[in-house]
């Protein structure tokens, strides 16, 4: 039997919590764990530049931050530091660092931070590395924006060796090191759980998923063609889509730019995703509630109402090993 797993999105909740009150986010994670949520998710930017809002800032400030719709002053605390605080305050909740902009660091440095958090939390870390979209951010850090794809590929390859080998050696186009001792390693011999995703299942992303991924977390709803490419690519490599944790989401339907969304439209999105094999669903609380005092009851309501949905639980029994 499979049951829905709920992921609380803790980024971009500044209509619900003061931007500098990071302890409030830790407290929200504790409440979510007690209510029955499976994971919390935090995304990142290191800096934003003027082009962050080049396509027009989102109309409703509760909406998701997307490429080109963000106020450059939007706060983005360190996801790894914040998840470390949440790890210390919880016991069961998975810690999803989505998305980590890997090319903005050296792979040895980022692997050190990820392995430490994964070990500290006893294997609860999930990492979704990405190249992201914001050229200004790359330029501010002196990283070539046009090379971000190959930089991410080298990160993934380097991490694979660092989790496994002592000493570890890597010889890439941009990063190279020989006989480095990387201890302590992550909780598992193959490192933290890896989710990968994007706006489409393009060939480069498919290669990454086939080789490294434990989960597939697309941006928005993937097309049927994307899902076919995913299944076919995994099958050609001797893998099955059933090995992946498929991560979907519940989106708001705002009545206007001044109001939060009712919960019903978000819940209505689940049956179709469930039919496609998705079993893990993300939801951002500030899209649905403006008063932090109402948040504990909201968490309980979400868990209760998702559990009560008439989902065909006997159609697909997905392996749970990817999320352990």
Protein backbone atom coordinates (compact mmCIF):
# COMPACT_ATOMS: atom_id res chain seq x y z
CA UNK A 1 0.00 0.00 0.00
CA UNK A 2 1.18 3.51 -0.83
CA UNK A 3 0.01 6.63 0.94
CA UNK A 4 0.58 10.27 -0.01
CA UNK A 5 3.67 11.92 1.40
CA UNK A 6 3.40 15.62 2.15
CA UNK A 7 6.27 18.10 1.80
CA UNK A 8 5.96 21.49 3.48
CA UNK A 9 7.59 24.25 1.42
CA UNK A 10 9.32 26.57 3.89
CA UNK A 11 10.84 28.98 1.36
CA UNK A 12 9.06 32.16 0.35
CA UNK A 13 6.71 32.39 3.32
CA UNK A 14 7.30 36.10 3.99
CA UNK A 15 3.58 36.91 3.95
CA UNK A 16 3.22 34.51 6.90
CA UNK A 17 6.43 35.01 8.90
CA UNK A 18 8.73 38.04 9.24
CA UNK A 19 11.69 37.70 6.85
CA UNK A 20 14.27 37.80 9.65
CA UNK A 21 12.45 35.41 11.98
CA UNK A 22 14.17 32.21 10.91
CA UNK A 23 13.30 30.51 14.20
CA UNK A 24 9.66 30.75 13.16
CA UNK A 25 10.46 28.52 10.19
CA UNK A 26 12.12 26.00 12.48
CA UNK A 27 9.03 26.05 14.70
CA UNK A 28 6.83 25.54 11.63
CA UNK A 29 8.83 22.45 10.74
CA UNK A 30 8.33 21.03 14.24
CA UNK A 31 4.58 21.57 13.95
CA UNK A 32 4.53 19.95 10.51
CA UNK A 33 6.34 16.87 11.82
CA UNK A 34 3.84 16.49 14.66
CA UNK A 35 0.94 16.85 12.20
CA UNK A 36 2.23 14.03 9.99
CA UNK A 37 4.09 15.78 7.19
CA UNK A 38 6.89 13.69 5.70
CA UNK A 39 9.38 16.43 4.76
CA UNK A 40 10.16 20.13 4.65
CA UNK A 41 11.64 21.80 1.59
CA UNK A 42 13.85 24.88 1.38
CA UNK A 43 15.19 26.40 -1.84
CA UNK A 44 17.98 28.91 -2.26
CA UNK A 45 19.60 31.83 -3.93
CA UNK A 46 22.90 33.25 -2.73
CA UNK A 47 22.23 36.69 -4.18
CA UNK A 48 19.70 38.24 -6.54
CA UNK A 49 20.38 40.91 -9.12
CA UNK A 50 18.17 43.49 -10.84
CA UNK A 51 17.01 41.03 -13.52
CA UNK A 52 15.32 38.81 -10.91
CA UNK A 53 12.09 40.68 -11.65
CA UNK A 54 12.67 41.27 -15.35
CA UNK A 55 9.42 39.54 -16.36
CA UNK A 56 7.33 41.39 -13.82
CA UNK A 57 7.08 40.72 -10.10
CA UNK A 58 4.43 38.19 -9.12
CA UNK A 59 1.01 39.74 -8.65
CA UNK A 60 0.09 37.91 -5.47
CA UNK A 61 3.06 37.91 -3.06
CA UNK A 62 1.99 34.46 -1.79
CA UNK A 63 2.71 32.89 -5.18
CA UNK A 64 5.78 30.81 -5.98
CA UNK A 65 8.96 32.59 -6.97
CA UNK A 66 9.71 31.64 -10.56
CA UNK A 67 12.42 32.68 -13.03
CA UNK A 68 12.11 36.40 -13.68
CA UNK A 69 9.17 37.19 -11.36
CA UNK A 70 10.99 37.97 -8.09
CA UNK A 71 11.58 41.17 -6.19
CA UNK A 72 15.40 41.36 -6.05
CA UNK A 73 15.09 42.14 -2.32
CA UNK A 74 13.34 38.82 -1.61
CA UNK A 75 15.10 37.16 1.35
CA UNK A 76 16.81 33.80 0.81
CA UNK A 77 18.50 32.43 3.95
CA UNK A 78 20.99 29.59 3.58
CA UNK A 79 19.02 26.41 3.00
CA UNK A 80 21.76 24.19 4.41
CA UNK A 81 22.13 26.20 7.62
CA UNK A 82 18.37 26.45 8.10
CA UNK A 83 17.86 22.74 7.45
CA UNK A 84 20.58 22.00 10.00
CA UNK A 85 18.58 23.89 12.62
CA UNK A 86 15.47 21.96 11.63
CA UNK A 87 17.40 18.69 11.83
CA UNK A 88 18.30 19.49 15.44
CA UNK A 89 14.68 20.25 16.33
CA UNK A 90 13.05 17.21 14.67
CA UNK A 91 13.53 13.45 14.62
CA UNK A 92 11.65 12.04 11.63
CA UNK A 93 11.10 14.82 9.12
CA UNK A 94 13.05 14.56 5.88
CA UNK A 95 15.08 17.64 4.95
CA UNK A 96 14.75 18.56 1.28
CA UNK A 97 17.32 21.04 -0.01
CA UNK A 98 15.59 21.96 -3.27
CA UNK A 99 17.13 23.43 -5.19
CA UNK A 100 20.82 23.68 -4.39
CA UNK A 101 22.60 25.73 -7.06
CA UNK A 102 25.62 23.47 -7.19
CA UNK A 103 27.75 25.35 -9.79
CA UNK A 104 28.05 28.33 -7.44
CA UNK A 105 30.36 26.31 -5.14
CA UNK A 106 33.30 23.99 -5.48
CA UNK A 107 32.14 20.36 -5.32
CA UNK A 108 34.42 19.54 -2.39
CA UNK A 109 33.00 22.38 -0.31
CA UNK A 110 29.38 21.62 -1.15
CA UNK A 111 29.86 17.88 -0.64
CA UNK A 112 31.31 18.60 2.81
CA UNK A 113 28.26 20.63 3.84
CA UNK A 114 25.80 18.09 2.45
CA UNK A 115 27.55 15.07 3.95
CA UNK A 116 27.72 16.73 7.37
CA UNK A 117 24.02 17.57 7.36
CA UNK A 118 23.10 14.12 6.12
CA UNK A 119 25.17 12.45 8.83
CA UNK A 120 23.88 14.83 11.51
CA UNK A 121 20.29 14.03 10.55
CA UNK A 122 20.98 10.28 10.20
CA UNK A 123 20.14 10.10 6.52
CA UNK A 124 17.18 12.45 6.36
CA UNK A 125 18.70 14.77 3.74
CA UNK A 126 17.32 15.00 0.22
CA UNK A 127 19.26 17.15 -2.26
CA UNK A 128 17.98 18.53 -5.54
CA UNK A 129 20.96 20.12 -7.29
CA UNK A 130 20.21 22.51 -10.10
CA UNK A 131 21.85 25.04 -12.41
CA UNK A 132 19.12 27.64 -11.76
CA UNK A 133 18.34 30.51 -14.14
CA UNK A 134 19.69 33.81 -12.79
CA UNK A 135 22.65 35.16 -14.77
CA UNK A 136 23.19 38.06 -12.34
CA UNK A 137 23.84 35.58 -9.54
CA UNK A 138 26.52 33.77 -11.52
CA UNK A 139 28.18 37.03 -12.56
CA UNK A 140 28.28 38.29 -8.97
CA UNK A 141 30.12 35.13 -7.91
CA UNK A 142 32.42 35.06 -10.93
CA UNK A 143 31.04 31.77 -12.29
CA UNK A 144 30.52 31.41 -16.06
CA UNK A 145 26.77 31.19 -16.59
CA UNK A 146 27.16 29.42 -19.94
CA UNK A 147 29.11 26.58 -18.29
CA UNK A 148 26.61 25.84 -15.56
CA UNK A 149 25.43 22.57 -17.11
CA UNK A 150 28.86 20.96 -17.30
CA UNK A 151 29.65 22.33 -13.84
CA UNK A 152 26.62 20.52 -12.41
CA UNK A 153 27.58 17.33 -14.24
CA UNK A 154 31.03 17.48 -12.66
CA UNK A 155 29.54 18.06 -9.22
CA UNK A 156 27.40 14.95 -9.50
CA UNK A 157 30.29 12.84 -10.72
CA UNK A 158 32.64 14.17 -8.05
CA UNK A 159 30.11 13.55 -5.26
CA UNK A 160 29.67 9.96 -6.39
CA UNK A 161 33.37 9.33 -5.82
CA UNK A 162 33.52 11.29 -2.57
CA UNK A 163 30.66 9.30 -1.03
CA UNK A 164 32.34 6.04 -2.02
CA UNK A 165 36.13 6.28 -2.17
CA UNK A 166 38.90 6.92 0.37
CA UNK A 167 40.99 8.60 -0.87
CA UNK A 168 39.03 10.13 -3.75
CA UNK A 169 40.34 11.44 -7.07
CA UNK A 170 38.57 13.45 -9.73
CA UNK A 171 39.83 14.78 -13.04
CA UNK A 172 37.27 16.98 -14.74
CA UNK A 173 37.32 19.91 -17.13
CA UNK A 174 36.68 22.46 -14.37
CA UNK A 175 37.49 20.62 -11.13
CA UNK A 176 40.36 18.28 -10.38
CA UNK A 177 41.90 16.81 -7.24
CA UNK A 178 43.88 13.72 -6.34
CA UNK A 179 43.94 11.47 -3.27
CA UNK A 180 41.78 13.63 -1.01
CA UNK A 181 40.48 12.19 2.22
CA UNK A 182 36.84 13.09 2.74
CA UNK A 183 35.68 12.16 6.25
CA UNK A 184 33.19 11.85 7.75
CA UNK A 185 31.17 10.75 4.78
CA UNK A 186 27.39 10.91 4.39
CA UNK A 187 25.04 8.63 6.33
CA UNK A 188 24.73 6.07 3.49
CA UNK A 189 27.59 4.69 1.38
CA UNK A 190 25.99 6.23 -1.72
CA UNK A 191 25.36 9.62 -0.15
CA UNK A 192 22.18 11.68 0.40
CA UNK A 193 19.06 10.96 -1.61
CA UNK A 194 19.08 12.89 -4.89
CA UNK A 195 16.06 14.39 -6.61
CA UNK A 196 16.40 15.89 -10.07
CA UNK A 197 13.97 17.81 -12.23
CA UNK A 198 13.39 20.73 -14.56
CA UNK A 199 10.91 22.34 -16.89
CA UNK A 200 11.22 19.43 -19.33
CA UNK A 201 12.93 16.05 -19.55
CA UNK A 202 15.66 17.13 -21.97
CA UNK A 203 18.49 14.72 -22.89
CA UNK A 204 21.00 16.11 -20.41
CA UNK A 205 18.55 15.96 -17.51
CA UNK A 206 17.53 12.45 -18.50
CA UNK A 207 21.16 11.30 -18.39
CA UNK A 208 21.52 12.76 -14.90
CA UNK A 209 18.32 11.12 -13.68
CA UNK A 210 19.26 7.72 -15.08
CA UNK A 211 22.66 7.77 -13.40
CA UNK A 212 22.10 9.58 -10.11
CA UNK A 213 18.47 10.17 -9.16
CA UNK A 214 16.39 8.62 -6.41
CA UNK A 215 13.52 10.96 -7.20
CA UNK A 216 12.02 13.06 -9.99
CA UNK A 217 10.74 16.51 -9.01
CA UNK A 218 9.77 18.51 -12.11
CA UNK A 219 8.98 22.20 -12.26
CA UNK A 220 5.22 22.15 -12.76
CA UNK A 221 3.37 19.26 -14.30
CA UNK A 222 5.40 17.20 -16.79
CA UNK A 223 3.85 16.41 -20.13
CA UNK A 224 2.94 12.88 -21.16
CA UNK A 225 5.85 13.03 -23.61
CA UNK A 226 8.21 13.93 -20.76
CA UNK A 227 6.98 10.98 -18.71
CA UNK A 228 7.40 8.67 -21.70
CA UNK A 229 10.97 9.89 -22.20
CA UNK A 230 11.65 9.32 -18.52
CA UNK A 231 10.30 5.76 -18.57
CA UNK A 232 12.06 4.87 -21.81
CA UNK A 233 15.39 6.32 -20.72
CA UNK A 234 15.32 4.47 -17.41
CA UNK A 235 14.30 1.23 -19.11
CA UNK A 236 17.19 1.47 -21.58
CA UNK A 237 19.55 1.68 -18.60
CA UNK A 238 17.95 -1.27 -16.84
CA UNK A 239 16.06 0.89 -14.36
CA UNK A 240 12.35 1.44 -13.79
CA UNK A 241 10.37 4.58 -13.06
CA UNK A 242 9.02 2.66 -10.06
CA UNK A 243 12.46 3.10 -8.47
CA UNK A 244 11.99 6.87 -8.40
CA UNK A 245 10.08 8.91 -5.89
CA UNK A 246 7.84 11.04 -8.12
CA UNK A 247 7.28 14.44 -6.54
CA UNK A 248 4.30 16.58 -7.50
CA UNK A 249 2.59 19.48 -5.84
CA UNK A 250 -0.51 21.35 -4.83
CA UNK A 251 -0.84 24.87 -6.19
CA UNK A 252 -2.98 27.75 -5.06
CA UNK A 253 -5.88 29.31 -6.92
CA UNK A 254 -5.89 32.88 -5.68
CA UNK A 255 -9.21 34.73 -5.97
CA UNK A 256 -7.26 38.00 -6.35
CA UNK A 257 -3.83 39.49 -5.66
CA UNK A 258 -4.72 40.42 -2.08
CA UNK A 259 -6.07 37.12 -0.76
CA UNK A 260 -4.90 33.64 0.16
CA UNK A 261 -6.22 30.62 -1.69
CA UNK A 262 -8.80 28.14 -0.47
CA UNK A 263 -7.46 24.62 0.00
CA UNK A 264 -9.97 22.88 -2.26
CA UNK A 265 -8.35 23.70 -5.65
CA UNK A 266 -5.01 22.39 -4.37
CA UNK A 267 -6.53 19.13 -3.17
CA UNK A 268 -8.27 18.71 -6.51
CA UNK A 269 -4.87 18.47 -8.21
CA UNK A 270 -3.88 15.27 -6.44
CA UNK A 271 -5.99 12.54 -8.11
CA UNK A 272 -4.63 13.19 -11.60
CA UNK A 273 -1.05 13.24 -10.35
CA UNK A 274 -1.70 10.08 -8.34
CA UNK A 275 -2.90 8.32 -11.49
CA UNK A 276 0.43 9.21 -13.12
CA UNK A 277 2.40 7.57 -10.31
CA UNK A 278 3.20 10.60 -8.12
CA UNK A 279 3.12 9.82 -4.42
CA UNK A 280 4.86 12.84 -2.85
CA UNK A 281 3.25 16.29 -2.91
CA UNK A 282 4.59 19.73 -2.00
CA UNK A 283 2.48 22.51 -0.52
CA UNK A 284 3.40 26.04 0.59
CA UNK A 285 1.48 27.18 3.68
CA UNK A 286 1.59 30.91 3.01
CA UNK A 287 -0.46 30.38 -0.14
CA UNK A 288 -3.39 29.31 2.03
CA UNK A 289 -3.07 31.04 5.41
CA UNK A 290 -1.96 34.54 6.42
CA UNK A 291 -2.14 34.21 10.20
CA UNK A 292 0.61 32.14 11.84
CA UNK A 293 -1.70 31.32 14.76
CA UNK A 294 -3.89 29.40 12.30
CA UNK A 295 -0.98 27.43 10.88
CA UNK A 296 -1.06 24.40 13.28
CA UNK A 297 -4.74 23.80 12.53
CA UNK A 298 -4.03 24.23 8.81
CA UNK A 299 -1.32 21.54 8.96
CA UNK A 300 -3.70 19.15 10.66
CA UNK A 301 -6.42 19.91 8.12
CA UNK A 302 -4.11 19.28 5.15
CA UNK A 303 -2.98 15.93 6.52
CA UNK A 304 -6.54 14.90 7.36
CA UNK A 305 -8.06 15.94 4.05
CA UNK A 306 -5.32 14.37 1.93
CA UNK A 307 -5.72 11.11 3.87
CA UNK A 308 -9.46 11.24 3.20
CA UNK A 309 -9.11 11.60 -0.57
CA UNK A 310 -10.48 8.72 -2.61
CA UNK A 311 -7.18 7.71 -4.20
CA UNK A 312 -6.79 4.26 -5.83
CA UNK A 313 -4.14 2.97 -3.45
CA UNK A 314 -4.14 -0.51 -4.94
CA UNK A 315 -3.10 0.51 -8.45
CA UNK A 316 0.56 1.32 -7.96
CA UNK A 317 2.66 0.10 -5.06
CA UNK A 318 5.83 2.07 -5.24
CA UNK A 319 9.04 1.07 -3.54
CA UNK A 320 9.67 3.16 -0.46
CA UNK A 321 13.40 2.63 -0.36
CA UNK A 322 14.19 5.90 -2.12
CA UNK A 323 12.87 7.89 0.79
CA UNK A 324 14.37 6.02 3.68
